[in-house]
Every structure is written in structure tokens, then in C-alpha cells.
Amino acid sequence: GNVKFIFVGLIQHCEQIAMATIILSQALNAYFYGLLNLIDTFPAIIIAMKY
């Protein structure tokens, strides 16, 4: 009985960590994607400023 309870608690804890990891990685992917898009627009901004 007690071992099963500990095991279930452990699985739930691992699931929470997995969910947090997925959310974090998605947030990082979105951040880096936005950063790359920003870097791509820098030359255009610099060229626009020159004229």
C-alpha cells in the first residue's frame, strides 16, 4: 500500500517536471526564433538609416 503511494507520487512529480521542461523548451524556441528574426532585420534597419 505505502510503496504504491510513493510510486504514484514519484510518477506525478516526474510528469510535472516533464511538463515544465516542455513549456520551457517551447518558450526558449520562440525566444530564439524571435531573436533570429530580429537579427535578420538589422541590416535592413541599418540600410534604411543610411538613406
PDB file of N, CA and C in Angstrom:
ATOM      1  N   GLY A   1       0.824  -1.217   0.000  1.00  0.00           N
ATOM      2  CA  GLY A   1       0.000   0.000   0.000  1.00  0.00           C
ATOM      3  C   GLY A   1       0.849   1.253   0.000  1.00  0.00           C
ATOM      4  N   ASN A   2       1.766   1.336   0.965  1.00  0.00           N
ATOM      5  CA  ASN A   2       2.577   2.543   1.116  1.00  0.00           C
ATOM      6  C   ASN A   2       3.541   2.729  -0.049  1.00  0.00           C
ATOM      7  N   VAL A   3       4.107   1.624  -0.528  1.00  0.00           N
ATOM      8  CA  VAL A   3       5.052   1.680  -1.646  1.00  0.00           C
ATOM      9  C   VAL A   3       4.353   2.189  -2.906  1.00  0.00           C
ATOM     10  N   LYS A   4       3.113   1.722  -3.120  1.00  0.00           N
ATOM     11  CA  LYS A   4       2.327   2.152  -4.276  1.00  0.00           C
ATOM     12  C   LYS A   4       2.091   3.663  -4.217  1.00  0.00           C
ATOM     13  N   PHE A   5       1.774   4.167  -3.024  1.00  0.00           N
ATOM     14  CA  PHE A   5       1.520   5.595  -2.827  1.00  0.00           C
ATOM     15  C   PHE A   5       2.757   6.422  -3.181  1.00  0.00           C
ATOM     16  N   ILE A   6       3.927   5.960  -2.727  1.00  0.00           N
ATOM     17  CA  ILE A   6       5.196   6.635  -3.021  1.00  0.00           C
ATOM     18  C   ILE A   6       5.465   6.611  -4.526  1.00  0.00           C
ATOM     19  N   PHE A   7       5.199   5.458  -5.149  1.00  0.00           N
ATOM     20  CA  PHE A   7       5.443   5.286  -6.581  1.00  0.00           C
ATOM     21  C   PHE A   7       4.571   6.229  -7.407  1.00  0.00           C
ATOM     22  N   VAL A   8       3.281   6.317  -7.039  1.00  0.00           N
ATOM     23  CA  VAL A   8       2.338   7.209  -7.732  1.00  0.00           C
ATOM     24  C   VAL A   8       2.779   8.667  -7.574  1.00  0.00           C
ATOM     25  N   GLY A   9       3.200   9.032  -6.363  1.00  0.00           N
ATOM     26  CA  GLY A   9       3.677  10.387  -6.107  1.00  0.00           C
ATOM     27  C   GLY A   9       4.905  10.722  -6.931  1.00  0.00           C
ATOM     28  N   LEU A  10       5.783   9.736  -7.074  1.00  0.00           N
ATOM     29  CA  LEU A  10       7.009   9.917  -7.856  1.00  0.00           C
ATOM     30  C   LEU A  10       6.689  10.141  -9.334  1.00  0.00           C
ATOM     31  N   ILE A  11       5.752   9.342  -9.865  1.00  0.00           N
ATOM     32  CA  ILE A  11       5.340   9.469 -11.268  1.00  0.00           C
ATOM     33  C   ILE A  11       4.729  10.849 -11.520  1.00  0.00           C
ATOM     34  N   GLN A  12       3.867  11.296 -10.597  1.00  0.00           N
ATOM     35  CA  GLN A  12       3.237  12.612 -10.740  1.00  0.00           C
ATOM     36  C   GLN A  12       4.286  13.720 -10.729  1.00  0.00           C
ATOM     37  N   HIS A  13       5.276  13.573  -9.867  1.00  0.00           N
ATOM     38  CA  HIS A  13       6.358  14.553  -9.766  1.00  0.00           C
ATOM     39  C   HIS A  13       7.148  14.606 -11.074  1.00  0.00           C
ATOM     40  N   CYS A  14       7.449  13.432 -11.641  1.00  0.00           N
ATOM     41  CA  CYS A  14       8.183  13.351 -12.904  1.00  0.00           C
ATOM     42  C   CYS A  14       7.387  13.964 -14.046  1.00  0.00           C
ATOM     43  N   GLU A  15       6.061  13.753 -14.032  1.00  0.00           N
ATOM     44  CA  GLU A  15       5.192  14.325 -15.061  1.00  0.00           C
ATOM     45  C   GLU A  15       5.200  15.847 -14.987  1.00  0.00           C
ATOM     46  N   GLN A  16       5.193  16.383 -13.759  1.00  0.00           N
ATOM     47  CA  GLN A  16       5.234  17.835 -13.572  1.00  0.00           C
ATOM     48  C   GLN A  16       6.538  18.415 -14.114  1.00  0.00           C
ATOM     49  N   ILE A  17       7.648  17.726 -13.837  1.00  0.00           N
ATOM     50  CA  ILE A  17       8.960  18.162 -14.326  1.00  0.00           C
ATOM     51  C   ILE A  17       8.994  18.106 -15.853  1.00  0.00           C
ATOM     52  N   ALA A  18       8.440  17.017 -16.423  1.00  0.00           N
ATOM     53  CA  ALA A  18       8.401  16.863 -17.875  1.00  0.00           C
ATOM     54  C   ALA A  18       7.597  17.989 -18.519  1.00  0.00           C
ATOM     55  N   MET A  19       6.442  18.312 -17.942  1.00  0.00           N
ATOM     56  CA  MET A  19       5.600  19.391 -18.470  1.00  0.00           C
ATOM     57  C   MET A  19       6.328  20.732 -18.410  1.00  0.00           C
ATOM     58  N   ALA A  20       6.971  21.011 -17.275  1.00  0.00           N
ATOM     59  CA  ALA A  20       7.720  22.252 -17.102  1.00  0.00           C
ATOM     60  C   ALA A  20       8.853  22.340 -18.120  1.00  0.00           C
ATOM     61  N   THR A  21       9.515  21.207 -18.370  1.00  0.00           N
ATOM     62  CA  THR A  21      10.621  21.158 -19.330  1.00  0.00           C
ATOM     63  C   THR A  21      10.130  21.442 -20.740  1.00  0.00           C
ATOM     64  N   ILE A  22       8.981  20.852 -21.104  1.00  0.00           N
ATOM     65  CA  ILE A  22       8.397  21.069 -22.436  1.00  0.00           C
ATOM     66  C   ILE A  22       8.018  22.538 -22.615  1.00  0.00           C
ATOM     67  N   ILE A  23       7.356  23.109 -21.609  1.00  0.00           N
ATOM     68  CA  ILE A  23       6.941  24.514 -21.670  1.00  0.00           C
ATOM     69  C   ILE A  23       8.162  25.421 -21.790  1.00  0.00           C
ATOM     70  N   LEU A  24       9.200  25.125 -21.013  1.00  0.00           N
ATOM     71  CA  LEU A  24      10.427  25.924 -21.035  1.00  0.00           C
ATOM     72  C   LEU A  24      11.114  25.851 -22.393  1.00  0.00           C
ATOM     73  N   SER A  25      11.209  24.641 -22.958  1.00  0.00           N
ATOM     74  CA  SER A  25      11.875  24.477 -24.251  1.00  0.00           C
ATOM     75  C   SER A  25      11.099  25.175 -25.361  1.00  0.00           C
ATOM     76  N   GLN A  26       9.757  25.148 -25.285  1.00  0.00           N
ATOM     77  CA  GLN A  26       8.936  25.845 -26.272  1.00  0.00           C
ATOM     78  C   GLN A  26       9.137  27.358 -26.160  1.00  0.00           C
ATOM     79  N   ALA A  27       9.224  27.846 -24.921  1.00  0.00           N
ATOM     80  CA  ALA A  27       9.450  29.274 -24.696  1.00  0.00           C
ATOM     81  C   ALA A  27      10.816  29.695 -25.230  1.00  0.00           C
ATOM     82  N   LEU A  28      11.838  28.865 -24.997  1.00  0.00           N
ATOM     83  CA  LEU A  28      13.181  29.154 -25.496  1.00  0.00           C
ATOM     84  C   LEU A  28      13.222  29.135 -27.018  1.00  0.00           C
ATOM     85  N   ASN A  29      12.537  28.153 -27.633  1.00  0.00           N
ATOM     86  CA  ASN A  29      12.470  28.082 -29.088  1.00  0.00           C
ATOM     87  C   ASN A  29      11.836  29.340 -29.663  1.00  0.00           C
ATOM     88  N   ALA A  30      10.737  29.795 -29.063  1.00  0.00           N
ATOM     89  CA  ALA A  30      10.052  31.008 -29.509  1.00  0.00           C
ATOM     90  C   ALA A  30      10.966  32.221 -29.349  1.00  0.00           C
ATOM     91  N   TYR A  31      11.701  32.278 -28.234  1.00  0.00           N
ATOM     92  CA  TYR A  31      12.616  33.384 -27.966  1.00  0.00           C
ATOM     93  C   TYR A  31      13.740  33.437 -28.997  1.00  0.00           C
ATOM     94  N   PHE A  32      14.380  32.281 -29.254  1.00  0.00           N
ATOM     95  CA  PHE A  32      15.483  32.237 -30.215  1.00  0.00           C
ATOM     96  C   PHE A  32      14.996  32.520 -31.631  1.00  0.00           C
ATOM     97  N   TYR A  33      13.804  32.029 -31.965  1.00  0.00           N
ATOM     98  CA  TYR A  33      13.223  32.278 -33.288  1.00  0.00           C
ATOM     99  C   TYR A  33      12.989  33.775 -33.479  1.00  0.00           C
ATOM    100  N   GLY A  34      12.451  34.429 -32.446  1.00  0.00           N
ATOM    101  CA  GLY A  34      12.232  35.869 -32.481  1.00  0.00           C
ATOM    102  C   GLY A  34      13.545  36.631 -32.581  1.00  0.00           C
ATOM    103  N   LEU A  35      14.555  36.146 -31.862  1.00  0.00           N
ATOM    104  CA  LEU A  35      15.879  36.767 -31.879  1.00  0.00           C
ATOM    105  C   LEU A  35      16.504  36.681 -33.267  1.00  0.00           C
ATOM    106  N   LEU A  36      16.389  35.508 -33.908  1.00  0.00           N
ATOM    107  CA  LEU A  36      16.930  35.329 -35.257  1.00  0.00           C
ATOM    108  C   LEU A  36      16.220  36.239 -36.254  1.00  0.00           C
ATOM    109  N   ASN A  37      14.902  36.371 -36.120  1.00  0.00           N
ATOM    110  CA  ASN A  37      14.148  37.268 -36.995  1.00  0.00           C
ATOM    111  C   ASN A  37      14.603  38.709 -36.805  1.00  0.00           C
ATOM    112  N   LEU A  38      14.868  39.082 -35.559  1.00  0.00           N
ATOM    113  CA  LEU A  38      15.331  40.430 -35.241  1.00  0.00           C
ATOM    114  C   LEU A  38      16.696  40.689 -35.877  1.00  0.00           C
ATOM    115  N   ILE A  39      17.610  39.701 -35.768  1.00  0.00           N
ATOM    116  CA  ILE A  39      18.944  39.808 -36.361  1.00  0.00           C
ATOM    117  C   ILE A  39      18.844  39.932 -37.881  1.00  0.00           C
ATOM    118  N   ASP A  40      17.897  39.198 -38.484  1.00  0.00           N
ATOM    119  CA  ASP A  40      17.680  39.279 -39.931  1.00  0.00           C
ATOM    120  C   ASP A  40      17.251  40.679 -40.363  1.00  0.00           C
ATOM    121  N   THR A  41      16.516  41.381 -39.512  1.00  0.00           N
ATOM    122  CA  THR A  41      16.015  42.708 -39.874  1.00  0.00           C
ATOM    123  C   THR A  41      17.033  43.813 -39.602  1.00  0.00           C
ATOM    124  N   PHE A  42      18.072  43.540 -38.837  1.00  0.00           N
ATOM    125  CA  PHE A  42      19.080  44.556 -38.525  1.00  0.00           C
ATOM    126  C   PHE A  42      19.715  45.188 -39.765  1.00  0.00           C
ATOM    127  N   PRO A  43      20.195  44.389 -40.741  1.00  0.00           N
ATOM    128  CA  PRO A  43      20.789  45.006 -41.934  1.00  0.00           C
ATOM    129  C   PRO A  43      19.814  45.937 -42.644  1.00  0.00           C
ATOM    130  N   ALA A  44      18.545  45.539 -42.719  1.00  0.00           N
ATOM    131  CA  ALA A  44      17.525  46.368 -43.362  1.00  0.00           C
ATOM    132  C   ALA A  44      17.346  47.684 -42.607  1.00  0.00           C
ATOM    133  N   ILE A  45      17.368  47.618 -41.279  1.00  0.00           N
ATOM    134  CA  ILE A  45      17.225  48.822 -40.450  1.00  0.00           C
ATOM    135  C   ILE A  45      18.430  49.747 -40.652  1.00  0.00           C
ATOM    136  N   ILE A  46      19.637  49.163 -40.667  1.00  0.00           N
ATOM    137  CA  ILE A  46      20.863  49.947 -40.841  1.00  0.00           C
ATOM    138  C   ILE A  46      20.881  50.615 -42.220  1.00  0.00           C
ATOM    139  N   ILE A  47      20.504  49.856 -43.253  1.00  0.00           N
ATOM    140  CA  ILE A  47      20.447  50.406 -44.614  1.00  0.00           C
ATOM    141  C   ILE A  47      19.431  51.543 -44.675  1.00  0.00           C
ATOM    142  N   ALA A  48      18.283  51.362 -44.039  1.00  0.00           N
ATOM    143  CA  ALA A  48      17.235  52.385 -44.023  1.00  0.00           C
ATOM    144  C   ALA A  48      17.717  53.650 -43.316  1.00  0.00           C
ATOM    145  N   MET A  49      18.535  53.501 -42.275  1.00  0.00           N
ATOM    146  CA  MET A  49      19.046  54.652 -41.526  1.00  0.00           C
ATOM    147  C   MET A  49      20.065  55.445 -42.344  1.00  0.00           C
ATOM    148  N   LYS A  50      20.817  54.753 -43.209  1.00  0.00           N
ATOM    149  CA  LYS A  50      21.844  55.420 -44.002  1.00  0.00           C
ATOM    150  C   LYS A  50      21.236  56.404 -45.000  1.00  0.00           C
ATOM    151  N   TYR A  51      20.044  56.068 -45.521  1.00  0.00           N
ATOM    152  CA  TYR A  51      19.419  56.933 -46.534  1.00  0.00           C
ATOM    153  C   TYR A  51      18.499  57.966 -45.918  1.00  0.00           C
TER     154      TYR A  51
END
